[in-house]
Amino acid sequence: MTGSHATSGKTARPDQRGRGSGMALLVIASCQLMVVLDITIVNIALPHMQKSLGFSTENLSWVVNAYTLTFGGLLLLGGRLGDILGRRRVFIFGVLLFVLASLLGGLSQESWQLLAARSLQGVGGAIASPTALSLITTTFREGPERNRAFGVFAAVSAGGSAIGLLAGGVLVEWLDWRWVLFVNVPIGLIIAFTTPRYIRESERHPGHFDVVGALTSTVGMVLLVYGFIRASEDGWSDPLTLGSFAVAIALLALFVFIESRSRQPITPLWMFRDRNRAGTYTMMLSLAAAMFGMFFFLTLFVQNVLDFSPLRAGLAFLPVSAVIAVGAGFASQLLPRWGPKPFMVAGALLAAIGLGWLTLTDVHSTYLGSILGPMLVFGLGMGMQFVSLTLMAVSGVAPKEAGAASGVLNATQQVGGSLGLSILVTMFGTASRHEFTDQLPRFQEQATAAQLLQFERTRELPPPWGDDVLTAGVSSAFVVAACFAVFAALVALLVIQVRASDLARLQGGATPGVTAPGETASDRTACDGTDETSDTSSTPPGTSPDTAKGPHSHGLDP
């Protein structure tokens, strides 16, 4: 919290200045880095996890989805836990839970064990991440000290994906895929045991937990994703597929009903009444779906078809992170003059062009000739979106509500990425099955006896026939991903409306927004020292001041 509550007995003690405050910031930033980079560090290891634990390509997506669904679904609840129970206590619990899940994941001998551990990691991350952001406001004095702390926090959040790509490549290539999980154990333990020394406990605030809302939304989304992935393998008429969709729809409808009646909802539905904010969340769903799919399928392609080593694959994706930063910086400089809408439209179109270009990928594609160019175009577009979507998510809301608005945006990113990836996996499965049927006779005519024996055991075609199957599925998935980006561009064009007053606030610097790549509106609000609790006059019906506090938005890096 900020403002009067943040500065009344809750700032850092005198003995925390200097080296002490620096250590406190190191502890908080290390936790955020560990949570943020976990997605990309695991992405690089996906092909090795698949071979080691026997995942199908469709089920392999659960390694990503198990984490992002629980992380995104419980993110807002994690922030509430810290407010009510004490942020330092909850922070330590979330870190230790993340450590335990990482250890269990690294020790997994079966695919279901890894997926259970990844789900538990998501729970730990959802508890630790929003609490880490809140701890900055209770540990650092308002003004330049807190501003510097938020700057470091934002930089760590924005750079986490790039670090994860490199770290994942090094660990998988030099050690083993299990070390992308084991590496969290010593780091997390150091964070947990150092926290009590440098970070004070925060003041507790009364309230209640919307556990039922969190569970119905999370389980509903898990079943929805499961339905799409099962459909890719067993067809749309499969009873379990249809049953999963039916139960998912019922649970999500129940979630909306619960949130509309709750006094302190985990997801304030009133925020969706504004057309700009509703359009922004819709765009995030679509763009996150496209982005998660691009990284997932390109990771498989460059390692399985282009035969890149894990380290080389990590380096291959670094230009995307760099161009995202460039696009974000470009947009943030020109937003006061042009407003966010042109960047939302142009960014989505650039993402669509990049994804459409990737649909041309085939077994003869090369990294420099076919992959790098589309990734750079896509990254530039997503960088523009990073700033614009965050700004529009908080435009027109009271300062005390900016945290909740940006928190929902971040949760939407995680959930949209998981749901979109499952849809792309469904398209991948359909296309790859058709290509498998075409390639099987050729394989049976040309394969050696050893290859035929291996096929009988695995039912998977070896290269080069298997490369054709994988590439056909990947190319088809990018068609749907490009459609997601086009849909986002249409939403930006037809739904988003930027008023003259919005531009005036941007030019005057009075509107909560993003001033640097990686810094969200919730960061800016806290840095300005705005009191989130002293004024409740503009709190919409059915909400409370406590709903104003939300988690940090990690940006658009998966």
Protein backbone atom coordinates (compact mmCIF):
# COMPACT_ATOMS: atom_id res chain seq x y z
CA MET A 1 0.00 0.00 0.00
CA THR A 2 1.02 3.58 -0.48
CA GLY A 3 0.21 7.02 0.83
CA SER A 4 -0.60 7.55 4.46
CA HIS A 5 -0.59 3.91 5.35
CA ALA A 6 2.72 3.34 3.65
CA THR A 7 4.42 6.13 5.47
CA SER A 8 2.90 5.70 8.88
CA GLY A 9 5.09 3.33 10.80
CA LYS A 10 5.73 1.05 7.85
CA THR A 11 8.69 2.53 6.06
CA ALA A 12 12.11 1.03 6.45
CA ARG A 13 13.85 1.60 9.76
CA PRO A 14 16.96 3.79 9.94
CA ASP A 15 19.12 0.69 10.17
CA GLN A 16 17.73 -0.43 6.85
CA ARG A 17 19.13 2.54 4.97
CA GLY A 18 22.24 2.07 2.89
CA ARG A 19 23.42 -1.50 2.79
CA GLY A 20 20.31 -2.78 4.63
CA SER A 21 17.86 -1.28 2.16
CA GLY A 22 20.02 -2.50 -0.70
CA MET A 23 19.85 -6.04 0.66
CA ALA A 24 16.08 -5.76 1.07
CA LEU A 25 15.76 -4.73 -2.57
CA LEU A 26 18.06 -7.57 -3.65
CA VAL A 27 15.84 -10.07 -1.81
CA ILE A 28 12.61 -8.74 -3.34
CA ALA A 29 14.04 -8.40 -6.87
CA SER A 30 15.56 -11.90 -6.71
CA CYS A 31 12.15 -13.39 -5.93
CA GLN A 32 10.54 -11.53 -8.81
CA LEU A 33 13.28 -12.65 -11.18
CA MET A 34 12.88 -16.27 -10.09
CA VAL A 35 9.13 -16.20 -10.70
CA VAL A 36 9.21 -14.28 -14.01
CA LEU A 37 11.98 -16.22 -15.73
CA ASP A 38 10.46 -19.59 -14.82
CA ILE A 39 8.32 -19.64 -17.97
CA THR A 40 11.10 -19.02 -20.48
CA ILE A 41 13.70 -21.10 -18.68
CA VAL A 42 11.33 -24.08 -18.90
CA ASN A 43 10.45 -23.37 -22.54
CA ILE A 44 13.99 -24.11 -23.67
CA ALA A 45 13.88 -27.46 -21.84
CA LEU A 46 10.56 -28.61 -23.37
CA PRO A 47 12.01 -30.95 -26.06
CA HIS A 48 14.19 -32.67 -23.45
CA MET A 49 11.29 -33.02 -21.03
CA GLN A 50 9.26 -34.54 -23.84
CA LYS A 51 11.87 -37.21 -24.57
CA SER A 52 12.63 -37.92 -20.92
CA LEU A 53 9.08 -38.28 -19.61
CA GLY A 54 7.26 -39.42 -22.76
CA PHE A 55 4.99 -36.43 -23.41
CA SER A 56 3.09 -36.20 -26.67
CA THR A 57 3.48 -32.81 -28.35
CA GLU A 58 -0.10 -31.93 -27.45
CA ASN A 59 0.27 -32.89 -23.77
CA LEU A 60 3.65 -31.14 -23.61
CA SER A 61 1.79 -27.83 -23.61
CA TRP A 62 0.58 -28.67 -20.09
CA VAL A 63 4.12 -28.06 -18.82
CA VAL A 64 3.50 -24.41 -19.68
CA ASN A 65 -0.23 -24.30 -18.95
CA ALA A 66 -0.06 -25.96 -15.53
CA TYR A 67 2.10 -23.06 -14.33
CA THR A 68 0.43 -20.15 -16.08
CA LEU A 69 -3.15 -21.22 -15.28
CA THR A 70 -2.56 -21.49 -11.54
CA PHE A 71 -0.32 -18.42 -11.54
CA GLY A 72 -2.79 -16.25 -13.45
CA GLY A 73 -5.89 -17.68 -11.78
CA LEU A 74 -4.65 -17.13 -8.22
CA LEU A 75 -2.64 -13.93 -8.74
CA LEU A 76 -5.23 -11.55 -7.31
CA LEU A 77 -5.96 -13.89 -4.41
CA GLY A 78 -2.23 -13.92 -3.63
CA GLY A 79 -2.25 -10.14 -3.30
CA ARG A 80 -5.19 -10.33 -0.88
CA LEU A 81 -3.39 -12.91 1.26
CA GLY A 82 -0.55 -10.48 1.88
CA ASP A 83 -2.89 -7.63 2.78
CA ILE A 84 -4.83 -9.66 5.33
CA LEU A 85 -2.21 -11.99 6.83
CA GLY A 86 0.91 -9.82 6.60
CA ARG A 87 3.05 -9.43 3.50
CA ARG A 88 6.39 -10.65 4.81
CA ARG A 89 4.84 -13.80 6.23
CA VAL A 90 2.95 -14.54 3.02
CA PHE A 91 5.98 -13.67 0.90
CA ILE A 92 8.16 -16.22 2.70
CA PHE A 93 5.43 -18.87 2.45
CA GLY A 94 5.05 -18.29 -1.30
CA VAL A 95 8.80 -18.51 -1.88
CA LEU A 96 9.12 -21.75 0.13
CA LEU A 97 6.16 -23.27 -1.70
CA PHE A 98 7.82 -22.35 -5.00
CA VAL A 99 11.07 -23.97 -3.80
CA LEU A 100 9.29 -27.18 -2.76
CA ALA A 101 7.47 -27.38 -6.10
CA SER A 102 10.71 -26.79 -8.02
CA LEU A 103 12.44 -29.60 -6.12
CA LEU A 104 9.56 -32.00 -6.74
CA GLY A 105 9.49 -31.05 -10.42
CA GLY A 106 13.19 -31.71 -10.84
CA LEU A 107 12.80 -35.13 -9.21
CA SER A 108 9.83 -36.12 -11.41
CA GLN A 109 9.95 -39.58 -12.96
CA GLU A 110 6.51 -39.48 -14.57
CA SER A 111 4.81 -36.83 -16.66
CA TRP A 112 1.95 -36.36 -14.16
CA GLN A 113 4.45 -35.68 -11.39
CA LEU A 114 6.02 -32.84 -13.36
CA LEU A 115 2.61 -31.34 -14.16
CA ALA A 116 1.56 -31.47 -10.50
CA ALA A 117 4.81 -29.77 -9.50
CA ARG A 118 4.35 -27.08 -12.15
CA SER A 119 0.84 -26.38 -10.82
CA LEU A 120 2.22 -26.04 -7.31
CA GLN A 121 4.91 -23.69 -8.66
CA GLY A 122 2.15 -21.52 -10.09
CA VAL A 123 0.45 -21.35 -6.69
CA GLY A 124 3.73 -20.33 -5.02
CA GLY A 125 4.40 -17.71 -7.70
CA ALA A 126 0.89 -16.27 -7.40
CA ILE A 127 1.43 -15.82 -3.65
CA ALA A 128 4.99 -14.45 -3.79
CA SER A 129 4.89 -12.16 -6.85
CA PRO A 130 2.18 -9.60 -5.91
CA THR A 131 3.41 -9.60 -2.32
CA ALA A 132 6.94 -8.78 -3.51
CA LEU A 133 5.68 -5.62 -5.21
CA SER A 134 3.72 -4.58 -2.11
CA LEU A 135 6.78 -5.08 0.11
CA ILE A 136 8.59 -2.32 -1.76
CA THR A 137 6.02 0.22 -0.55
CA THR A 138 6.35 -0.97 3.06
CA THR A 139 10.16 -1.21 3.06
CA PHE A 140 11.31 1.89 1.18
CA ARG A 141 10.63 5.51 2.08
CA GLU A 142 8.43 7.48 -0.29
CA GLY A 143 10.39 9.58 -2.76
CA PRO A 144 13.65 8.90 -4.64
CA GLU A 145 14.44 5.81 -2.55
CA ARG A 146 11.17 4.09 -3.41
CA ASN A 147 11.36 5.28 -7.01
CA ARG A 148 14.77 3.66 -7.44
CA ALA A 149 13.44 0.44 -5.91
CA PHE A 150 10.53 0.35 -8.34
CA GLY A 151 12.91 1.03 -11.21
CA VAL A 152 15.01 -2.00 -10.28
CA PHE A 153 11.88 -4.11 -9.84
CA ALA A 154 10.54 -3.09 -13.27
CA ALA A 155 13.89 -3.78 -14.95
CA VAL A 156 14.06 -7.25 -13.40
CA SER A 157 10.50 -8.01 -14.54
CA ALA A 158 11.19 -6.83 -18.09
CA GLY A 159 14.54 -8.63 -18.36
CA GLY A 160 13.45 -11.89 -16.78
CA SER A 161 12.48 -13.54 -20.05
CA ALA A 162 15.85 -12.87 -21.68
CA ILE A 163 17.73 -14.15 -18.65
CA GLY A 164 15.53 -17.23 -18.62
CA LEU A 165 16.33 -18.02 -22.25
CA LEU A 166 20.07 -17.89 -21.63
CA ALA A 167 19.96 -19.67 -18.28
CA GLY A 168 17.73 -22.40 -19.67
CA GLY A 169 20.05 -23.02 -22.57
CA VAL A 170 23.14 -23.19 -20.38
CA LEU A 171 21.58 -25.48 -17.76
CA VAL A 172 20.04 -27.92 -20.25
CA GLU A 173 23.12 -28.13 -22.44
CA TRP A 174 25.76 -28.32 -19.72
CA LEU A 175 23.81 -30.20 -17.03
CA ASP A 176 20.30 -31.60 -17.53
CA TRP A 177 16.75 -30.35 -18.07
CA ARG A 178 15.99 -31.02 -14.40
CA TRP A 179 18.31 -28.18 -13.42
CA VAL A 180 15.96 -25.55 -14.85
CA LEU A 181 13.86 -26.49 -11.81
CA PHE A 182 16.58 -27.39 -9.32
CA VAL A 183 18.21 -23.97 -9.76
CA ASN A 184 15.29 -22.38 -7.92
CA VAL A 185 15.96 -24.36 -4.74
CA PRO A 186 19.15 -22.66 -3.44
CA ILE A 187 18.02 -19.26 -4.68
CA GLY A 188 14.62 -19.57 -3.03
CA LEU A 189 16.04 -20.81 0.27
CA ILE A 190 18.47 -17.89 0.44
CA ILE A 191 15.58 -15.48 -0.24
CA ALA A 192 13.34 -17.08 2.40
CA PHE A 193 15.95 -17.15 5.15
CA THR A 194 17.29 -13.65 4.38
CA THR A 195 13.88 -11.95 4.27
CA PRO A 196 13.26 -11.71 8.08
CA ARG A 197 16.61 -9.96 8.57
CA TYR A 198 16.07 -7.12 6.09
CA ILE A 199 12.30 -6.79 5.62
CA ARG A 200 9.78 -5.79 8.29
CA GLU A 201 6.32 -7.29 8.63
CA SER A 202 3.54 -5.09 7.24
CA GLU A 203 0.39 -3.95 8.94
CA ARG A 204 -2.55 -6.34 8.54
CA HIS A 205 -5.85 -5.18 7.08
CA PRO A 206 -9.27 -6.70 7.69
CA GLY A 207 -11.04 -8.48 4.87
CA HIS A 208 -11.98 -11.88 3.58
CA PHE A 209 -10.66 -14.25 0.94
CA ASP A 210 -12.68 -14.90 -2.19
CA VAL A 211 -11.49 -18.50 -2.26
CA VAL A 212 -14.60 -19.84 -4.00
CA GLY A 213 -14.24 -17.27 -6.78
CA ALA A 214 -10.56 -18.11 -7.24
CA LEU A 215 -11.19 -21.86 -7.34
CA THR A 216 -14.17 -21.76 -9.71
CA SER A 217 -12.31 -19.55 -12.19
CA THR A 218 -9.08 -21.55 -12.04
CA VAL A 219 -10.68 -25.01 -12.24
CA GLY A 220 -13.04 -23.79 -14.95
CA MET A 221 -10.14 -22.56 -17.08
CA VAL A 222 -8.17 -25.79 -16.48
CA LEU A 223 -11.11 -27.87 -17.72
CA LEU A 224 -11.61 -25.57 -20.71
CA VAL A 225 -7.95 -25.94 -21.68
CA TYR A 226 -8.14 -29.71 -21.09
CA GLY A 227 -11.13 -29.93 -23.40
CA PHE A 228 -9.25 -28.26 -26.27
CA ILE A 229 -6.14 -30.38 -25.80
CA ARG A 230 -8.14 -33.61 -25.53
CA ALA A 231 -10.08 -32.66 -28.67
CA SER A 232 -6.78 -32.45 -30.56
CA GLU A 233 -6.04 -36.10 -29.72
CA ASP A 234 -9.44 -37.80 -29.36
CA GLY A 235 -11.78 -35.65 -31.43
CA TRP A 236 -14.65 -33.30 -30.64
CA SER A 237 -17.19 -36.08 -30.12
CA ASP A 238 -15.21 -37.73 -27.31
CA PRO A 239 -17.37 -37.89 -24.13
CA LEU A 240 -14.58 -36.57 -21.90
CA THR A 241 -14.01 -33.67 -24.28
CA LEU A 242 -17.67 -32.69 -24.25
CA GLY A 243 -17.91 -33.24 -20.49
CA SER A 244 -14.88 -31.02 -19.87
CA PHE A 245 -16.39 -28.19 -21.89
CA ALA A 246 -19.77 -28.54 -20.14
CA VAL A 247 -18.32 -28.46 -16.62
CA ALA A 248 -15.94 -25.63 -17.57
CA ILE A 249 -18.79 -23.45 -18.85
CA ALA A 250 -20.84 -24.18 -15.71
CA LEU A 251 -17.95 -23.29 -13.39
CA LEU A 252 -17.08 -20.09 -15.26
CA ALA A 253 -20.74 -19.03 -15.21
CA LEU A 254 -20.78 -19.72 -11.46
CA PHE A 255 -17.61 -17.63 -11.10
CA VAL A 256 -19.28 -14.63 -12.78
CA PHE A 257 -22.32 -15.05 -10.53
CA ILE A 258 -20.15 -15.22 -7.39
CA GLU A 259 -18.10 -12.17 -8.37
CA SER A 260 -21.21 -10.13 -9.11
CA ARG A 261 -22.53 -10.83 -5.58
CA SER A 262 -19.29 -10.67 -3.59
CA ARG A 263 -18.52 -7.62 -1.44
CA GLN A 264 -14.78 -8.10 -2.01
CA PRO A 265 -14.50 -9.96 -5.33
CA ILE A 266 -11.20 -11.36 -6.52
CA THR A 267 -11.98 -9.97 -9.98
CA PRO A 268 -13.91 -6.68 -9.83
CA LEU A 269 -16.40 -7.10 -12.71
CA TRP A 270 -17.22 -3.40 -12.71
CA MET A 271 -13.92 -2.77 -14.49
CA PHE A 272 -15.29 -4.49 -17.60
CA ARG A 273 -18.10 -1.95 -17.96
CA ASP A 274 -15.74 0.58 -19.51
CA ARG A 275 -15.40 -0.18 -23.23
CA ASN A 276 -11.72 0.79 -23.38
CA ARG A 277 -10.78 -1.44 -20.47
CA ALA A 278 -12.93 -4.34 -21.72
CA GLY A 279 -11.34 -3.96 -25.15
CA THR A 280 -7.89 -3.89 -23.59
CA TYR A 281 -8.48 -7.13 -21.69
CA THR A 282 -9.86 -8.75 -24.85
CA MET A 283 -6.77 -7.70 -26.78
CA MET A 284 -4.54 -9.10 -24.06
CA LEU A 285 -6.32 -12.44 -24.25
CA SER A 286 -5.77 -12.62 -28.01
CA LEU A 287 -2.20 -11.34 -28.11
CA ALA A 288 -1.05 -13.47 -25.18
CA ALA A 289 -2.52 -16.50 -26.97
CA ALA A 290 -0.50 -15.70 -30.07
CA MET A 291 2.68 -14.96 -28.11
CA PHE A 292 2.65 -18.11 -25.98
CA GLY A 293 2.01 -20.18 -29.10
CA MET A 294 4.87 -18.59 -31.02
CA PHE A 295 7.44 -19.34 -28.31
CA PHE A 296 6.11 -22.85 -27.67
CA PHE A 297 6.10 -24.03 -31.29
CA LEU A 298 9.27 -22.23 -32.37
CA THR A 299 11.12 -23.80 -29.44
CA LEU A 300 10.13 -27.24 -30.72
CA PHE A 301 10.92 -26.32 -34.32
CA VAL A 302 14.42 -24.89 -33.83
CA GLN A 303 15.53 -27.79 -31.61
CA ASN A 304 13.81 -30.71 -33.36
CA VAL A 305 13.89 -29.64 -37.02
CA LEU A 306 16.77 -27.17 -37.21
CA ASP A 307 18.68 -29.28 -34.65
CA PHE A 308 19.70 -26.31 -32.47
CA SER A 309 21.30 -27.09 -29.13
CA PRO A 310 19.46 -25.71 -26.05
CA LEU A 311 22.01 -22.91 -25.65
CA ARG A 312 21.83 -21.96 -29.31
CA ALA A 313 18.03 -22.00 -29.09
CA GLY A 314 18.15 -19.63 -26.12
CA LEU A 315 20.41 -17.26 -28.02
CA ALA A 316 18.14 -17.50 -31.06
CA PHE A 317 15.24 -16.00 -29.12
CA LEU A 318 17.18 -13.14 -27.53
CA PRO A 319 16.54 -10.72 -30.44
CA VAL A 320 12.81 -10.91 -29.67
CA SER A 321 13.35 -9.62 -26.12
CA ALA A 322 15.60 -6.85 -27.42
CA VAL A 323 13.10 -5.71 -30.06
CA ILE A 324 10.23 -5.79 -27.53
CA ALA A 325 12.24 -3.33 -25.41
CA VAL A 326 12.85 -1.13 -28.46
CA GLY A 327 9.16 -1.13 -29.39
CA ALA A 328 8.15 -0.31 -25.83
CA GLY A 329 10.61 2.59 -25.66
CA PHE A 330 9.47 3.94 -29.03
CA ALA A 331 5.80 3.83 -28.05
CA SER A 332 6.34 5.37 -24.60
CA GLN A 333 8.09 8.38 -26.17
CA LEU A 334 5.32 9.10 -28.69
CA LEU A 335 2.25 8.17 -26.64
CA PRO A 336 1.72 11.71 -25.24
CA ARG A 337 1.56 13.09 -28.79
CA TRP A 338 -0.47 10.42 -30.60
CA GLY A 339 -2.24 8.55 -27.81
CA PRO A 340 -2.25 4.75 -27.35
CA LYS A 341 -4.72 3.73 -30.07
CA PRO A 342 -2.37 4.04 -33.09
CA PHE A 343 0.19 1.87 -31.31
CA MET A 344 -2.44 -0.68 -30.33
CA VAL A 345 -3.62 -1.01 -33.92
CA ALA A 346 -0.14 -0.93 -35.49
CA GLY A 347 1.33 -3.23 -32.87
CA ALA A 348 -1.36 -5.87 -33.37
CA LEU A 349 -0.98 -5.65 -37.16
CA LEU A 350 2.80 -6.06 -36.91
CA ALA A 351 2.28 -9.10 -34.70
CA ALA A 352 -0.15 -10.51 -37.26
CA ILE A 353 2.34 -9.91 -40.10
CA GLY A 354 5.10 -11.67 -38.19
CA LEU A 355 2.89 -14.65 -37.40
CA GLY A 356 1.55 -14.78 -40.94
CA TRP A 357 5.13 -14.85 -42.19
CA LEU A 358 5.83 -17.82 -39.91
CA THR A 359 3.04 -19.82 -41.59
CA LEU A 360 5.45 -20.22 -44.52
CA THR A 361 7.79 -22.29 -42.33
CA ASP A 362 8.69 -25.71 -43.78
CA VAL A 363 11.39 -28.34 -43.33
CA HIS A 364 13.72 -26.38 -45.62
CA SER A 365 13.47 -23.18 -43.56
CA THR A 366 16.55 -21.68 -41.94
CA TYR A 367 16.86 -19.47 -38.89
CA LEU A 368 18.26 -16.42 -40.70
CA GLY A 369 16.13 -16.85 -43.80
CA SER A 370 12.78 -17.81 -42.30
CA ILE A 371 12.64 -17.38 -38.52
CA LEU A 372 14.57 -14.28 -37.44
CA GLY A 373 12.71 -11.77 -39.63
CA PRO A 374 9.19 -12.76 -38.50
CA MET A 375 10.31 -12.81 -34.86
CA LEU A 376 11.67 -9.27 -35.10
CA VAL A 377 8.47 -7.95 -36.70
CA PHE A 378 6.38 -9.74 -34.07
CA GLY A 379 8.56 -8.45 -31.21
CA LEU A 380 8.34 -4.85 -32.40
CA GLY A 381 4.56 -5.05 -32.46
CA MET A 382 4.36 -6.64 -29.04
CA GLY A 383 6.65 -3.99 -27.57
CA MET A 384 4.20 -1.31 -28.70
CA GLN A 385 1.38 -3.29 -27.11
CA PHE A 386 3.23 -3.65 -23.82
CA VAL A 387 3.05 0.07 -23.10
CA SER A 388 -0.32 0.80 -24.73
CA LEU A 389 -2.31 -2.02 -23.12
CA THR A 390 -1.00 -1.21 -19.65
CA LEU A 391 -1.89 2.44 -20.09
CA MET A 392 -5.41 1.74 -21.34
CA ALA A 393 -6.03 -0.77 -18.55
CA VAL A 394 -5.70 1.99 -15.95
CA SER A 395 -6.91 4.99 -17.96
CA GLY A 396 -9.81 6.68 -16.23
CA VAL A 397 -9.63 4.73 -12.97
CA ALA A 398 -9.02 6.28 -9.58
CA PRO A 399 -5.41 5.98 -8.34
CA LYS A 400 -6.46 3.53 -5.63
CA GLU A 401 -7.99 1.28 -8.33
CA ALA A 402 -4.95 1.22 -10.63
CA GLY A 403 -3.44 -1.78 -8.88
CA ALA A 404 -6.57 -3.87 -9.38
CA ALA A 405 -6.87 -2.80 -13.03
CA SER A 406 -3.27 -3.70 -13.88
CA GLY A 407 -3.56 -6.87 -11.81
CA VAL A 408 -6.51 -8.09 -13.86
CA LEU A 409 -4.52 -7.26 -17.02
CA ASN A 410 -1.66 -9.46 -15.84
CA ALA A 411 -4.01 -12.30 -14.85
CA THR A 412 -5.68 -11.99 -18.25
CA GLN A 413 -2.30 -12.35 -19.93
CA GLN A 414 -1.52 -15.62 -18.14
CA VAL A 415 -4.97 -17.14 -18.60
CA GLY A 416 -5.25 -15.96 -22.20
CA GLY A 417 -1.85 -17.43 -22.99
CA SER A 418 -2.86 -20.82 -21.61
CA LEU A 419 -6.25 -20.89 -23.31
CA GLY A 420 -4.81 -19.69 -26.60
CA LEU A 421 -1.99 -22.23 -26.50
CA SER A 422 -4.53 -25.02 -26.01
CA ILE A 423 -6.46 -23.84 -29.06
CA LEU A 424 -3.28 -23.69 -31.12
CA VAL A 425 -2.36 -27.18 -29.91
CA THR A 426 -5.74 -28.40 -31.15
CA MET A 427 -4.98 -26.99 -34.61
CA PHE A 428 -1.47 -28.44 -34.43
CA GLY A 429 -2.82 -31.89 -33.56
CA THR A 430 -5.35 -31.91 -36.41
CA ALA A 431 -2.85 -30.81 -39.04
CA SER A 432 -0.07 -33.10 -37.82
CA ARG A 433 -2.40 -36.14 -37.83
CA HIS A 434 -3.27 -35.48 -41.46
CA GLU A 435 0.40 -35.12 -42.37
CA PHE A 436 1.19 -38.29 -40.39
CA THR A 437 -1.32 -40.18 -42.53
CA ASP A 438 0.35 -38.89 -45.70
CA GLN A 439 3.90 -39.63 -44.50
CA LEU A 440 3.28 -43.12 -43.10
CA PRO A 441 3.25 -45.00 -46.46
CA ARG A 442 6.49 -43.27 -47.52
CA PHE A 443 8.09 -44.13 -44.21
CA GLN A 444 7.09 -47.79 -44.49
CA GLU A 445 8.59 -47.96 -47.99
CA GLN A 446 11.89 -46.24 -47.20
CA ALA A 447 12.60 -46.97 -43.51
CA THR A 448 15.28 -49.34 -42.29
CA ALA A 449 14.47 -52.34 -40.10
CA ALA A 450 15.72 -50.49 -37.01
CA GLN A 451 13.52 -47.48 -37.78
CA LEU A 452 10.49 -49.72 -38.27
CA LEU A 453 11.16 -51.41 -34.92
CA GLN A 454 11.47 -48.06 -33.17
CA PHE A 455 8.23 -46.91 -34.76
CA GLU A 456 6.42 -49.96 -33.40
CA ARG A 457 7.52 -48.98 -29.90
CA THR A 458 6.90 -45.24 -30.01
CA ARG A 459 4.33 -44.79 -32.82
CA GLU A 460 6.25 -41.65 -33.77
CA LEU A 461 7.88 -41.12 -37.13
CA PRO A 462 11.65 -40.44 -36.99
CA PRO A 463 13.32 -37.73 -39.10
CA PRO A 464 12.93 -36.76 -41.88
CA TRP A 465 9.31 -37.97 -41.96
CA GLY A 466 8.69 -36.78 -38.41
CA ASP A 467 10.07 -33.36 -39.28
CA ASP A 468 7.42 -33.00 -41.98
CA VAL A 469 4.70 -33.95 -39.49
CA LEU A 470 5.92 -31.45 -36.88
CA THR A 471 6.37 -28.65 -39.40
CA ALA A 472 2.91 -29.12 -40.90
CA GLY A 473 1.37 -28.82 -37.43
CA VAL A 474 3.48 -25.80 -36.50
CA SER A 475 2.63 -23.96 -39.71
CA SER A 476 -1.10 -24.55 -39.19
CA ALA A 477 -0.90 -23.36 -35.59
CA PHE A 478 0.64 -20.08 -36.77
CA VAL A 479 -2.37 -19.52 -39.05
CA VAL A 480 -4.64 -19.45 -36.00
CA ALA A 481 -2.12 -17.35 -34.04
CA ALA A 482 -2.13 -14.76 -36.84
CA CYS A 483 -5.94 -14.72 -36.66
CA PHE A 484 -5.72 -13.95 -32.94
CA ALA A 485 -3.50 -10.95 -33.70
CA VAL A 486 -5.82 -9.73 -36.48
CA PHE A 487 -8.75 -9.98 -34.08
CA ALA A 488 -6.82 -7.88 -31.56
CA ALA A 489 -6.20 -5.24 -34.26
CA LEU A 490 -9.93 -5.12 -35.05
CA VAL A 491 -10.76 -4.66 -31.37
CA ALA A 492 -8.26 -1.81 -31.15
CA LEU A 493 -9.69 -0.19 -34.27
CA LEU A 494 -13.39 -0.57 -33.50
CA VAL A 495 -13.66 -0.64 -29.71
CA ILE A 496 -10.90 1.55 -28.25
CA GLN A 497 -11.77 5.25 -28.04
CA VAL A 498 -9.20 7.80 -26.87
CA ARG A 499 -10.79 11.01 -25.70
CA ALA A 500 -9.26 14.47 -25.88
CA SER A 501 -9.11 14.50 -22.09
CA ASP A 502 -7.02 11.31 -22.19
CA LEU A 503 -4.47 12.97 -24.46
CA ALA A 504 -4.46 16.04 -22.24
CA ARG A 505 -3.65 13.94 -19.19
CA LEU A 506 -0.90 12.13 -21.11
CA GLN A 507 0.68 15.38 -22.20
CA GLY A 508 0.40 16.82 -18.71
CA GLY A 509 1.75 13.69 -17.04
CA ALA A 510 -1.26 13.39 -14.74
CA THR A 511 -2.62 10.11 -15.94
CA PRO A 512 -1.32 6.88 -14.46
CA GLY A 513 0.68 5.21 -17.16
CA VAL A 514 3.92 3.69 -18.22
CA THR A 515 7.03 5.84 -18.35
CA ALA A 516 9.55 3.15 -19.14
CA PRO A 517 9.49 -0.34 -20.55
CA GLY A 518 8.60 -2.75 -17.80
CA GLU A 519 7.03 -0.17 -15.45
CA THR A 520 3.29 -0.56 -14.95
CA ALA A 521 0.67 1.82 -13.74
CA SER A 522 0.64 0.17 -10.35
CA ASP A 523 4.36 0.92 -10.09
CA ARG A 524 3.79 4.52 -11.06
CA THR A 525 0.96 4.93 -8.57
CA ALA A 526 3.09 3.60 -5.74
CA CYS A 527 6.06 5.71 -6.79
CA ASP A 528 3.91 8.84 -6.73
CA GLY A 529 2.90 8.04 -3.18
CA THR A 530 -0.81 8.20 -3.98
CA ASP A 531 -2.97 7.19 -1.05
CA GLU A 532 -4.92 4.10 -2.02
CA THR A 533 -6.96 3.95 1.15
CA SER A 534 -7.68 7.45 2.33
CA ASP A 535 -10.45 8.08 -0.21
CA THR A 536 -13.19 5.63 -0.99
CA SER A 537 -15.61 8.03 -2.62
CA SER A 538 -15.09 6.69 -6.12
CA THR A 539 -15.01 3.02 -5.17
CA PRO A 540 -17.63 1.26 -7.33
CA PRO A 541 -20.50 -0.55 -5.59
CA GLY A 542 -19.58 -3.99 -4.36
CA THR A 543 -15.89 -3.23 -3.96
CA SER A 544 -13.70 -2.08 -1.12
CA PRO A 545 -10.45 -0.17 -0.91
CA ASP A 546 -8.66 -3.49 -0.46
CA THR A 547 -9.54 -4.50 -4.01
CA ALA A 548 -7.41 -1.66 -5.27
CA LYS A 549 -4.22 -3.49 -4.58
CA GLY A 550 -3.11 -5.73 -7.38
CA PRO A 551 -0.02 -7.54 -8.58
CA HIS A 552 2.68 -6.20 -10.75
CA SER A 553 2.25 -6.64 -14.47
CA HIS A 554 5.19 -8.58 -15.83
CA GLY A 555 4.85 -7.19 -19.30
CA LEU A 556 4.38 -9.29 -22.38
CA ASP A 557 7.42 -11.52 -22.21
CA PRO A 558 6.34 -15.14 -21.78
